[in-house]
Amino acid sequence: LAQRSANAAKEIKALINTSGEHVTTDVGLVGETGKALEAIVAQVGDINGNGAAIVEASREQATGLKEISHAGNTLDHATQQNAAMVEEGAAA
C-alpha cells in the first residue's frame, strides 16, 4: 500500500508539473494574442484615418466639380449673349 501511495504521489507530482508547464505555455500564448490584437486595433485605426481622408478628399473634389460646373454654365450664358449680340449687330 505504501508503494502504491508513493507511485500515486509521483504520478500526481508529474501531472502537476505538466499542468504547470501547460499553464506557463498558455499564459505566453495569451500574451502573444494580446499583442496581436493590439496590432490589429492599431491597423484598424489607420484604416479609419485613411477612410476619413478619402471622405474629405471626395468632398473637396465634389466642391471643385460644382465650381467647374458653375463656371461652365457662366461661360455658356456669356457665349449665348455674345451670339445674340452678334446677330443683333448683323441685323443692324
N, C-alpha and C. Protein backbone atom coordinates (compact mmCIF):
# COMPACT_ATOMS: atom_id res chain seq x y z
N LEU A 1 0.84 -1.20 0.00
CA LEU A 1 0.00 0.00 0.00
C LEU A 1 0.87 1.25 0.00
N ALA A 2 1.96 1.18 0.77
CA ALA A 2 2.88 2.33 0.83
C ALA A 2 3.52 2.56 -0.54
N GLN A 3 3.86 1.47 -1.22
CA GLN A 3 4.48 1.58 -2.55
C GLN A 3 3.50 2.19 -3.55
N ARG A 4 2.23 1.74 -3.47
CA ARG A 4 1.22 2.31 -4.36
C ARG A 4 1.01 3.79 -4.08
N SER A 5 0.99 4.16 -2.83
CA SER A 5 0.82 5.57 -2.45
C SER A 5 1.99 6.39 -2.97
N ALA A 6 3.20 5.85 -2.84
CA ALA A 6 4.39 6.56 -3.32
C ALA A 6 4.32 6.73 -4.84
N ASN A 7 3.92 5.67 -5.55
CA ASN A 7 3.80 5.76 -7.01
C ASN A 7 2.71 6.76 -7.41
N ALA A 8 1.59 6.72 -6.71
CA ALA A 8 0.50 7.66 -7.00
C ALA A 8 0.95 9.10 -6.74
N ALA A 9 1.71 9.30 -5.67
CA ALA A 9 2.22 10.64 -5.36
C ALA A 9 3.16 11.11 -6.47
N LYS A 10 4.01 10.22 -7.00
CA LYS A 10 4.91 10.58 -8.09
C LYS A 10 4.12 10.95 -9.35
N GLU A 11 3.08 10.15 -9.61
CA GLU A 11 2.25 10.44 -10.78
C GLU A 11 1.54 11.78 -10.63
N ILE A 12 1.05 12.04 -9.42
CA ILE A 12 0.37 13.32 -9.16
C ILE A 12 1.34 14.47 -9.32
N LYS A 13 2.57 14.29 -8.81
CA LYS A 13 3.59 15.33 -8.93
C LYS A 13 3.90 15.58 -10.41
N ALA A 14 4.02 14.51 -11.21
CA ALA A 14 4.29 14.65 -12.64
C ALA A 14 3.14 15.37 -13.34
N LEU A 15 1.90 15.02 -12.97
CA LEU A 15 0.73 15.69 -13.56
C LEU A 15 0.71 17.18 -13.20
N ILE A 16 1.05 17.48 -11.95
CA ILE A 16 1.07 18.89 -11.51
C ILE A 16 2.15 19.64 -12.29
N ASN A 17 3.33 19.02 -12.46
CA ASN A 17 4.41 19.68 -13.22
C ASN A 17 3.99 19.91 -14.67
N THR A 18 3.36 18.89 -15.26
CA THR A 18 2.89 19.01 -16.64
C THR A 18 1.84 20.11 -16.75
N SER A 19 0.92 20.14 -15.79
CA SER A 19 -0.11 21.18 -15.78
C SER A 19 0.51 22.56 -15.65
N GLY A 20 1.52 22.66 -14.80
CA GLY A 20 2.21 23.95 -14.63
C GLY A 20 2.87 24.39 -15.92
N GLU A 21 3.49 23.45 -16.63
CA GLU A 21 4.10 23.79 -17.92
C GLU A 21 3.05 24.24 -18.92
N HIS A 22 1.91 23.56 -18.93
CA HIS A 22 0.83 23.94 -19.84
C HIS A 22 0.32 25.34 -19.52
N VAL A 23 0.17 25.63 -18.25
CA VAL A 23 -0.31 26.95 -17.83
C VAL A 23 0.69 28.02 -18.27
N THR A 24 1.98 27.75 -18.08
CA THR A 24 3.01 28.70 -18.49
C THR A 24 2.96 28.94 -20.00
N THR A 25 2.83 27.86 -20.75
CA THR A 25 2.73 27.97 -22.20
C THR A 25 1.48 28.76 -22.59
N ASP A 26 0.35 28.45 -21.96
CA ASP A 26 -0.90 29.13 -22.27
C ASP A 26 -0.84 30.62 -21.94
N VAL A 27 -0.19 30.95 -20.83
CA VAL A 27 -0.04 32.37 -20.47
C VAL A 27 0.76 33.09 -21.56
N GLY A 28 1.80 32.44 -22.05
CA GLY A 28 2.58 33.03 -23.14
C GLY A 28 1.75 33.23 -24.38
N LEU A 29 0.92 32.24 -24.71
CA LEU A 29 0.05 32.36 -25.88
C LEU A 29 -0.96 33.48 -25.71
N VAL A 30 -1.49 33.61 -24.51
CA VAL A 30 -2.44 34.70 -24.25
C VAL A 30 -1.75 36.06 -24.43
N GLY A 31 -0.51 36.15 -23.96
CA GLY A 31 0.24 37.39 -24.13
C GLY A 31 0.47 37.71 -25.60
N GLU A 32 0.84 36.70 -26.38
CA GLU A 32 1.04 36.89 -27.82
C GLU A 32 -0.27 37.30 -28.50
N THR A 33 -1.37 36.69 -28.09
CA THR A 33 -2.68 37.04 -28.64
C THR A 33 -3.01 38.50 -28.33
N GLY A 34 -2.72 38.92 -27.11
CA GLY A 34 -2.95 40.32 -26.73
C GLY A 34 -2.16 41.27 -27.60
N LYS A 35 -0.89 40.94 -27.86
CA LYS A 35 -0.07 41.79 -28.71
C LYS A 35 -0.62 41.84 -30.14
N ALA A 36 -1.06 40.68 -30.64
CA ALA A 36 -1.63 40.62 -31.99
C ALA A 36 -2.90 41.47 -32.06
N LEU A 37 -3.73 41.40 -31.02
CA LEU A 37 -4.96 42.20 -31.01
C LEU A 37 -4.65 43.69 -30.95
N GLU A 38 -3.62 44.07 -30.20
CA GLU A 38 -3.22 45.48 -30.15
C GLU A 38 -2.77 45.95 -31.53
N ALA A 39 -2.03 45.10 -32.24
CA ALA A 39 -1.60 45.46 -33.60
C ALA A 39 -2.80 45.61 -34.53
N ILE A 40 -3.77 44.72 -34.38
CA ILE A 40 -4.98 44.79 -35.21
C ILE A 40 -5.74 46.09 -34.93
N VAL A 41 -5.86 46.43 -33.66
CA VAL A 41 -6.56 47.67 -33.29
C VAL A 41 -5.85 48.88 -33.89
N ALA A 42 -4.52 48.87 -33.84
CA ALA A 42 -3.76 49.99 -34.42
C ALA A 42 -3.99 50.07 -35.93
N GLN A 43 -4.00 48.92 -36.59
CA GLN A 43 -4.21 48.91 -38.04
C GLN A 43 -5.62 49.35 -38.40
N VAL A 44 -6.60 48.96 -37.61
CA VAL A 44 -7.98 49.41 -37.85
C VAL A 44 -8.06 50.92 -37.68
N GLY A 45 -7.33 51.45 -36.69
CA GLY A 45 -7.28 52.90 -36.52
C GLY A 45 -6.69 53.59 -37.73
N ASP A 46 -5.61 53.00 -38.29
CA ASP A 46 -5.01 53.55 -39.50
C ASP A 46 -6.00 53.52 -40.67
N ILE A 47 -6.71 52.41 -40.81
CA ILE A 47 -7.70 52.28 -41.88
C ILE A 47 -8.80 53.32 -41.71
N ASN A 48 -9.22 53.52 -40.48
CA ASN A 48 -10.25 54.52 -40.20
C ASN A 48 -9.77 55.91 -40.60
N GLY A 49 -8.51 56.21 -40.26
CA GLY A 49 -7.95 57.51 -40.64
C GLY A 49 -7.88 57.67 -42.15
N ASN A 50 -7.49 56.61 -42.84
CA ASN A 50 -7.43 56.66 -44.31
C ASN A 50 -8.82 56.86 -44.90
N GLY A 51 -9.80 56.18 -44.32
CA GLY A 51 -11.18 56.35 -44.79
C GLY A 51 -11.66 57.78 -44.61
N ALA A 52 -11.34 58.38 -43.48
CA ALA A 52 -11.73 59.77 -43.23
C ALA A 52 -11.05 60.70 -44.23
N ALA A 53 -9.79 60.42 -44.55
CA ALA A 53 -9.08 61.25 -45.53
C ALA A 53 -9.72 61.12 -46.92
N ILE A 54 -10.14 59.91 -47.26
CA ILE A 54 -10.80 59.69 -48.55
C ILE A 54 -12.12 60.46 -48.61
N VAL A 55 -12.87 60.41 -47.52
CA VAL A 55 -14.15 61.14 -47.47
C VAL A 55 -13.91 62.64 -47.65
N GLU A 56 -12.90 63.16 -46.96
CA GLU A 56 -12.60 64.59 -47.06
C GLU A 56 -12.17 64.96 -48.48
N ALA A 57 -11.32 64.13 -49.08
CA ALA A 57 -10.88 64.39 -50.44
C ALA A 57 -12.05 64.34 -51.42
N SER A 58 -12.96 63.40 -51.20
CA SER A 58 -14.14 63.29 -52.06
C SER A 58 -15.01 64.55 -51.95
N ARG A 59 -15.16 65.05 -50.75
CA ARG A 59 -15.94 66.29 -50.56
C ARG A 59 -15.28 67.45 -51.29
N GLU A 60 -13.96 67.54 -51.17
CA GLU A 60 -13.25 68.62 -51.85
C GLU A 60 -13.40 68.50 -53.37
N GLN A 61 -13.33 67.28 -53.88
CA GLN A 61 -13.49 67.08 -55.32
C GLN A 61 -14.91 67.43 -55.75
N ALA A 62 -15.90 67.07 -54.94
CA ALA A 62 -17.28 67.40 -55.27
C ALA A 62 -17.46 68.92 -55.32
N THR A 63 -16.87 69.61 -54.36
CA THR A 63 -16.95 71.07 -54.35
C THR A 63 -16.28 71.65 -55.59
N GLY A 64 -15.11 71.11 -55.93
CA GLY A 64 -14.41 71.57 -57.14
C GLY A 64 -15.23 71.34 -58.39
N LEU A 65 -15.87 70.18 -58.49
CA LEU A 65 -16.70 69.89 -59.66
C LEU A 65 -17.90 70.82 -59.74
N LYS A 66 -18.49 71.16 -58.60
CA LYS A 66 -19.61 72.11 -58.61
C LYS A 66 -19.15 73.47 -59.12
N GLU A 67 -17.96 73.89 -58.66
CA GLU A 67 -17.43 75.18 -59.10
C GLU A 67 -17.14 75.17 -60.60
N ILE A 68 -16.58 74.06 -61.09
CA ILE A 68 -16.31 73.94 -62.53
C ILE A 68 -17.62 73.97 -63.31
N SER A 69 -18.62 73.27 -62.83
CA SER A 69 -19.93 73.25 -63.50
C SER A 69 -20.53 74.66 -63.55
N HIS A 70 -20.42 75.36 -62.42
CA HIS A 70 -20.96 76.73 -62.37
C HIS A 70 -20.21 77.62 -63.36
N ALA A 71 -18.88 77.48 -63.40
CA ALA A 71 -18.09 78.28 -64.33
C ALA A 71 -18.47 77.94 -65.78
N GLY A 72 -18.69 76.68 -66.06
CA GLY A 72 -19.11 76.28 -67.40
C GLY A 72 -20.45 76.87 -67.77
N ASN A 73 -21.38 76.87 -66.82
CA ASN A 73 -22.70 77.48 -67.07
C ASN A 73 -22.57 78.97 -67.32
N THR A 74 -21.69 79.62 -66.57
CA THR A 74 -21.47 81.06 -66.76
C THR A 74 -20.89 81.34 -68.15
N LEU A 75 -19.92 80.50 -68.56
CA LEU A 75 -19.34 80.67 -69.90
C LEU A 75 -20.39 80.42 -70.99
N ASP A 76 -21.23 79.43 -70.78
CA ASP A 76 -22.29 79.13 -71.75
C ASP A 76 -23.23 80.31 -71.89
N HIS A 77 -23.60 80.89 -70.75
CA HIS A 77 -24.51 82.05 -70.75
C HIS A 77 -23.85 83.23 -71.48
N ALA A 78 -22.57 83.46 -71.19
CA ALA A 78 -21.86 84.57 -71.85
C ALA A 78 -21.75 84.32 -73.35
N THR A 79 -21.51 83.08 -73.73
CA THR A 79 -21.43 82.74 -75.16
C THR A 79 -22.76 83.00 -75.85
N GLN A 80 -23.85 82.63 -75.19
CA GLN A 80 -25.18 82.87 -75.78
C GLN A 80 -25.45 84.36 -75.91
N GLN A 81 -25.03 85.14 -74.92
CA GLN A 81 -25.22 86.60 -75.01
C GLN A 81 -24.40 87.17 -76.15
N ASN A 82 -23.16 86.68 -76.29
CA ASN A 82 -22.31 87.18 -77.38
C ASN A 82 -22.92 86.82 -78.74
N ALA A 83 -23.44 85.62 -78.84
CA ALA A 83 -24.06 85.20 -80.10
C ALA A 83 -25.27 86.07 -80.41
N ALA A 84 -26.05 86.39 -79.40
CA ALA A 84 -27.22 87.24 -79.61
C ALA A 84 -26.79 88.65 -80.04
N MET A 85 -25.72 89.17 -79.44
CA MET A 85 -25.25 90.49 -79.81
C MET A 85 -24.69 90.50 -81.24
N VAL A 86 -24.05 89.40 -81.62
CA VAL A 86 -23.54 89.30 -82.99
C VAL A 86 -24.71 89.29 -83.98
N GLU A 87 -25.77 88.57 -83.66
CA GLU A 87 -26.95 88.53 -84.53
C GLU A 87 -27.59 89.90 -84.62
N GLU A 88 -27.68 90.60 -83.46
CA GLU A 88 -28.27 91.94 -83.48
C GLU A 88 -27.41 92.90 -84.31
N GLY A 89 -26.08 92.74 -84.14
CA GLY A 89 -25.17 93.59 -84.92
C GLY A 89 -25.29 93.31 -86.41
N ALA A 90 -25.41 92.05 -86.76
CA ALA A 90 -25.53 91.69 -88.18
C ALA A 90 -26.85 92.19 -88.75
N ALA A 91 -27.90 92.13 -87.93
CA ALA A 91 -29.20 92.60 -88.37
C ALA A 91 -29.21 94.11 -88.54
N ALA A 92 -28.46 94.78 -87.68
CA ALA A 92 -28.43 96.24 -87.75
C ALA A 92 -27.62 96.63 -88.97
